[in-house]
Amino acid sequence: MRLQGKSIIVTGATSGIGAAIAKCIVGEGGEVLVHGINRSEGESVVAALGKNARLFIADLMDESAPKSIVAAALKEFGKIDGIVNNAAVIERSNLEAISTKSFDAAIEVNVKAPLFLIQAAMAELKKTKGAVLNIGSVNVYAGESTLLAYSISKGAMMTMTRNLANAQGVNGVRINQINPGWVLTEREERDQITKGLEPGWHKRLDRSAIPFGAMTTPEELALAAIYWLGDESRPFTGSVVELEQFSIIGRNPEKL
């Protein structure tokens, strides 16, 4: 029960990694505000989690969303002990295909919304000596050629994490980031099929791509994320940790 008595906001929590983190929070004794834009998915998640979960629907493209999310969490729980900035726009594009509209959407949701959600909640986080966990991506270091806007936005999030951690440590607020690698979410499974792979593609991957023989699941990632929300990770802040079974730095798969 590492999060007993803690109240935490998770954005983009109606499916995938966010839903798995919300489930872990409740399993560790915490309360969670499940944020998302898909009401039917959100209602299913909250119903499964029980009395310690609440749903709040808001579009992060709306500038009023951060303050609305904070107000909803305070209304439901009376305090805020943590935030997980998980929601993200992931649209495939390269230099030739990128548009100002798609780039703006990536920045709005992946960088601007997390920044102003932290700003809106900071007074409360100072009271609780709370924690922020930003969900980045291994794409922060360069990124896939077809994930140009997404990679740029996650790189900006990493700089934001370290900057705010440096500024807010004196207030007792910790701000860290994890960078997941390839995770088998519902969206990833659908996207790869849309790109032309056969259903069940993830079961046929070579070990040069997935060294441990199976893709990482949202549930496995969520278990790792819980550490950064609880008191056992105090006083560490400004940390950026890669959570990936494929070691992307200095690894040559051809030599396996």
Protein backbone atom coordinates (compact mmCIF):
# COMPACT_ATOMS: atom_id res chain seq x y z
CA MET A 1 0.00 0.00 0.00
CA ARG A 2 2.72 2.45 -1.05
CA LEU A 3 0.23 5.18 -2.01
CA GLN A 4 -2.12 4.86 0.95
CA GLY A 5 -4.02 8.13 1.42
CA LYS A 6 -2.57 9.82 -1.65
CA SER A 7 -4.74 11.52 -4.28
CA ILE A 8 -3.30 11.53 -7.78
CA ILE A 9 -4.32 12.91 -11.18
CA VAL A 10 -3.54 10.77 -14.24
CA THR A 11 -4.11 12.32 -17.66
CA GLY A 12 -4.91 10.14 -20.64
CA ALA A 13 -6.00 7.39 -18.26
CA THR A 14 -9.02 5.95 -20.05
CA SER A 15 -6.87 3.34 -21.84
CA GLY A 16 -3.35 2.03 -22.31
CA ILE A 17 -0.51 3.08 -20.03
CA GLY A 18 -2.61 5.70 -18.20
CA ALA A 19 -5.33 3.20 -17.32
CA ALA A 20 -2.73 0.72 -16.09
CA ILE A 21 -1.12 3.39 -13.88
CA ALA A 22 -4.54 4.38 -12.49
CA LYS A 23 -5.21 0.73 -11.64
CA CYS A 24 -1.86 0.45 -9.85
CA ILE A 25 -2.52 3.63 -7.87
CA VAL A 26 -5.79 2.24 -6.55
CA GLY A 27 -4.13 -1.11 -5.90
CA GLU A 28 -1.51 0.67 -3.79
CA GLY A 29 -4.18 2.36 -1.67
CA GLY A 30 -4.44 5.69 -3.48
CA GLU A 31 -7.25 7.69 -5.01
CA VAL A 32 -7.14 8.63 -8.67
CA LEU A 33 -8.75 11.18 -10.94
CA VAL A 34 -8.97 9.44 -14.30
CA HIS A 35 -8.72 12.07 -17.01
CA GLY A 36 -9.43 11.48 -20.68
CA ILE A 37 -11.54 12.45 -23.66
CA ASN A 38 -13.35 9.14 -24.29
CA ARG A 39 -16.26 9.01 -21.85
CA SER A 40 -17.35 5.44 -22.52
CA GLU A 41 -13.81 4.09 -22.04
CA GLY A 42 -13.37 6.24 -18.96
CA GLU A 43 -16.58 5.06 -17.37
CA SER A 44 -15.48 1.46 -17.87
CA VAL A 45 -12.11 2.13 -16.25
CA VAL A 46 -13.61 3.93 -13.26
CA ALA A 47 -16.29 1.28 -12.78
CA ALA A 48 -13.60 -1.40 -12.66
CA LEU A 49 -11.48 0.56 -10.19
CA GLY A 50 -14.30 1.25 -7.73
CA LYS A 51 -14.89 3.96 -5.15
CA ASN A 52 -11.34 5.33 -5.15
CA ALA A 53 -11.51 6.43 -8.78
CA ARG A 54 -13.31 9.37 -10.37
CA LEU A 55 -13.66 10.34 -14.02
CA PHE A 56 -13.09 13.78 -15.51
CA ILE A 57 -13.48 14.45 -19.22
CA ALA A 58 -11.54 17.37 -20.70
CA ASP A 59 -9.86 18.16 -24.00
CA LEU A 60 -6.25 19.21 -23.35
CA MET A 61 -6.39 21.37 -26.48
CA ASP A 62 -8.66 23.63 -24.43
CA GLU A 63 -6.60 26.16 -22.47
CA SER A 64 -9.03 25.95 -19.55
CA ALA A 65 -8.46 22.19 -19.13
CA PRO A 66 -5.54 22.29 -16.63
CA LYS A 67 -7.38 24.48 -14.13
CA SER A 68 -10.56 22.44 -14.62
CA ILE A 69 -8.72 19.19 -13.92
CA VAL A 70 -7.17 20.58 -10.73
CA ALA A 71 -10.54 21.93 -9.58
CA ALA A 72 -12.15 18.53 -10.19
CA ALA A 73 -9.46 16.73 -8.19
CA LEU A 74 -9.86 19.12 -5.28
CA LYS A 75 -13.62 18.76 -5.38
CA GLU A 76 -13.39 14.96 -5.31
CA PHE A 77 -10.48 14.44 -2.91
CA GLY A 78 -9.71 17.75 -1.20
CA LYS A 79 -6.00 17.58 -1.99
CA ILE A 80 -3.48 16.66 -4.67
CA ASP A 81 -0.48 14.48 -3.84
CA GLY A 82 0.64 13.74 -7.36
CA ILE A 83 0.21 14.17 -11.09
CA VAL A 84 0.99 11.76 -13.91
CA ASN A 85 1.25 13.62 -17.21
CA ASN A 86 0.55 10.69 -19.51
CA ALA A 87 -1.81 12.02 -22.20
CA ALA A 88 -0.16 12.45 -25.58
CA VAL A 89 -0.82 13.09 -29.23
CA ILE A 90 1.05 10.53 -31.34
CA GLU A 91 0.70 11.27 -35.02
CA ARG A 92 3.10 9.81 -37.56
CA SER A 93 4.79 12.38 -39.75
CA ASN A 94 8.18 13.23 -41.21
CA LEU A 95 9.63 16.46 -42.57
CA GLU A 96 7.72 16.13 -45.83
CA ALA A 97 4.36 15.28 -44.28
CA ILE A 98 4.31 17.40 -41.11
CA SER A 99 1.82 20.27 -40.97
CA THR A 100 1.53 23.27 -38.68
CA LYS A 101 -1.76 21.82 -37.40
CA SER A 102 -0.26 18.47 -36.39
CA PHE A 103 2.82 20.11 -34.90
CA ASP A 104 0.72 22.53 -32.86
CA ALA A 105 -1.42 19.65 -31.56
CA ALA A 106 1.66 17.74 -30.39
CA ILE A 107 3.01 20.79 -28.56
CA GLU A 108 -0.39 21.70 -27.06
CA VAL A 109 -1.09 18.25 -25.60
CA ASN A 110 2.39 16.85 -24.99
CA VAL A 111 4.11 19.96 -23.60
CA LYS A 112 1.82 22.91 -22.96
CA ALA A 113 -0.94 21.00 -21.15
CA PRO A 114 1.48 19.21 -18.75
CA LEU A 115 3.27 22.49 -18.02
CA PHE A 116 0.11 24.37 -17.15
CA LEU A 117 -1.38 21.45 -15.25
CA ILE A 118 1.70 21.51 -13.03
CA GLN A 119 1.34 25.29 -12.70
CA ALA A 120 -2.33 25.00 -11.76
CA ALA A 121 -1.61 22.32 -9.14
CA MET A 122 1.64 23.69 -7.72
CA ALA A 123 0.10 25.44 -4.70
CA GLU A 124 -1.53 22.15 -3.69
CA LEU A 125 1.58 20.09 -4.44
CA LYS A 126 3.59 22.37 -2.16
CA LYS A 127 1.15 21.65 0.67
CA THR A 128 1.43 17.88 0.27
CA LYS A 129 5.12 17.77 -0.76
CA GLY A 130 3.81 15.97 -3.80
CA ALA A 131 5.30 14.35 -6.87
CA VAL A 132 4.92 14.82 -10.61
CA LEU A 133 5.70 12.01 -13.01
CA ASN A 134 5.96 12.95 -16.67
CA ILE A 135 5.62 10.14 -19.19
CA GLY A 136 8.11 10.79 -21.96
CA SER A 137 9.50 8.43 -24.58
CA VAL A 138 12.83 7.02 -25.70
CA ASN A 139 12.18 9.16 -28.79
CA VAL A 140 13.45 12.18 -26.80
CA TYR A 141 16.99 11.46 -27.99
CA ALA A 142 16.31 11.60 -31.72
CA GLY A 143 13.18 9.62 -32.44
CA GLU A 144 11.82 7.60 -35.29
CA SER A 145 11.92 9.45 -38.59
CA THR A 146 8.13 9.11 -38.83
CA LEU A 147 7.56 10.55 -35.34
CA LEU A 148 9.01 14.02 -35.89
CA ALA A 149 6.52 16.20 -33.98
CA TYR A 150 6.08 13.64 -31.22
CA SER A 151 9.84 13.30 -30.72
CA ILE A 152 10.31 17.08 -30.56
CA SER A 153 7.51 17.42 -28.01
CA LYS A 154 8.89 14.69 -25.75
CA GLY A 155 12.34 16.26 -25.90
CA ALA A 156 10.77 19.51 -24.75
CA MET A 157 9.01 17.66 -21.93
CA MET A 158 12.36 16.29 -20.74
CA THR A 159 13.85 19.79 -20.54
CA MET A 160 10.72 20.97 -18.76
CA THR A 161 11.04 18.14 -16.22
CA ARG A 162 14.60 19.01 -15.32
CA ASN A 163 14.00 22.76 -15.28
CA LEU A 164 10.98 22.52 -12.98
CA ALA A 165 12.67 19.96 -10.74
CA ASN A 166 15.54 22.37 -10.26
CA ALA A 167 13.15 25.21 -9.45
CA GLN A 168 10.68 23.37 -7.22
CA GLY A 169 12.94 21.12 -5.17
CA VAL A 170 13.23 23.82 -2.51
CA ASN A 171 9.45 23.59 -2.13
CA GLY A 172 9.59 19.84 -1.53
CA VAL A 173 7.91 19.02 -4.84
CA ARG A 174 9.57 16.27 -6.88
CA ILE A 175 9.33 16.19 -10.68
CA ASN A 176 10.67 13.18 -12.57
CA GLN A 177 10.22 11.56 -15.97
CA ILE A 178 10.22 8.03 -17.31
CA ASN A 179 10.87 7.35 -20.99
CA PRO A 180 9.07 4.18 -22.08
CA GLY A 181 10.24 2.29 -25.10
CA TRP A 182 8.06 -0.02 -27.16
CA VAL A 183 4.93 -0.89 -25.17
CA LEU A 184 2.09 -3.13 -26.32
CA THR A 185 -0.86 -0.80 -25.81
CA GLU A 186 -4.18 -1.22 -27.57
CA ARG A 187 -3.31 1.76 -29.76
CA GLU A 188 0.10 0.37 -30.73
CA GLU A 189 -1.43 -2.96 -31.68
CA ARG A 190 -4.01 -1.20 -33.89
CA ASP A 191 -1.45 1.18 -35.42
CA GLN A 192 0.86 -1.61 -36.52
CA ILE A 193 -2.03 -3.48 -38.16
CA THR A 194 -3.02 -0.26 -39.92
CA LYS A 195 0.55 -0.01 -41.21
CA GLY A 196 0.21 -3.47 -42.77
CA LEU A 197 1.24 -6.02 -40.16
CA GLU A 198 -0.92 -9.10 -39.55
CA PRO A 199 -2.95 -9.45 -36.34
CA GLY A 200 -0.81 -11.03 -33.64
CA TRP A 201 2.33 -9.39 -35.09
CA HIS A 202 3.80 -8.82 -31.63
CA LYS A 203 4.00 -12.57 -31.02
CA ARG A 204 6.30 -13.02 -33.99
CA LEU A 205 8.93 -10.38 -33.25
CA ASP A 206 12.59 -11.35 -33.43
CA ARG A 207 14.71 -11.14 -30.28
CA SER A 208 16.86 -8.52 -31.99
CA ALA A 209 13.85 -6.22 -31.56
CA ILE A 210 12.52 -7.58 -28.25
CA PRO A 211 15.42 -9.18 -26.31
CA PHE A 212 13.22 -10.69 -23.59
CA GLY A 213 10.96 -12.41 -26.11
CA ALA A 214 7.78 -10.46 -25.39
CA MET A 215 6.83 -6.81 -25.62
CA THR A 216 6.56 -4.73 -22.48
CA THR A 217 2.97 -4.39 -21.26
CA PRO A 218 1.28 -1.29 -19.82
CA GLU A 219 0.90 -3.17 -16.54
CA GLU A 220 4.65 -3.79 -16.28
CA LEU A 221 5.39 -0.16 -17.00
CA ALA A 222 2.81 0.98 -14.45
CA LEU A 223 4.46 -1.03 -11.68
CA ALA A 224 7.71 0.80 -12.39
CA ALA A 225 5.96 4.18 -12.45
CA ILE A 226 4.48 3.78 -8.97
CA TYR A 227 7.91 4.15 -7.34
CA TRP A 228 8.16 7.77 -8.48
CA LEU A 229 4.79 8.71 -6.97
CA GLY A 230 5.42 7.26 -3.53
CA ASP A 231 7.53 8.40 -0.61
CA GLU A 232 10.19 5.73 -1.16
CA SER A 233 11.57 7.75 -4.11
CA ARG A 234 12.01 10.84 -1.94
CA PRO A 235 14.10 13.02 -2.23
CA PHE A 236 15.07 12.21 -5.83
CA THR A 237 14.01 14.79 -8.39
CA GLY A 238 14.97 15.78 -11.91
CA SER A 239 15.55 12.14 -12.83
CA VAL A 240 14.92 10.95 -16.38
CA VAL A 241 14.85 7.16 -16.59
CA GLU A 242 14.60 4.99 -19.71
CA LEU A 243 12.30 2.01 -19.29
CA GLU A 244 13.11 -0.08 -22.33
CA GLN A 245 14.32 -3.62 -22.88
CA PHE A 246 16.08 -2.62 -26.10
CA SER A 247 19.15 -0.64 -25.06
CA ILE A 248 19.10 2.02 -27.76
CA ILE A 249 22.34 3.76 -26.82
CA GLY A 250 25.42 2.02 -28.21
CA ARG A 251 23.69 -1.21 -29.21
CA ASN A 252 24.11 -2.85 -32.60
CA PRO A 253 21.40 -5.51 -33.14
CA GLU A 254 23.29 -6.94 -36.12
CA LYS A 255 25.90 -8.31 -33.70
CA LEU A 256 23.46 -10.22 -31.50
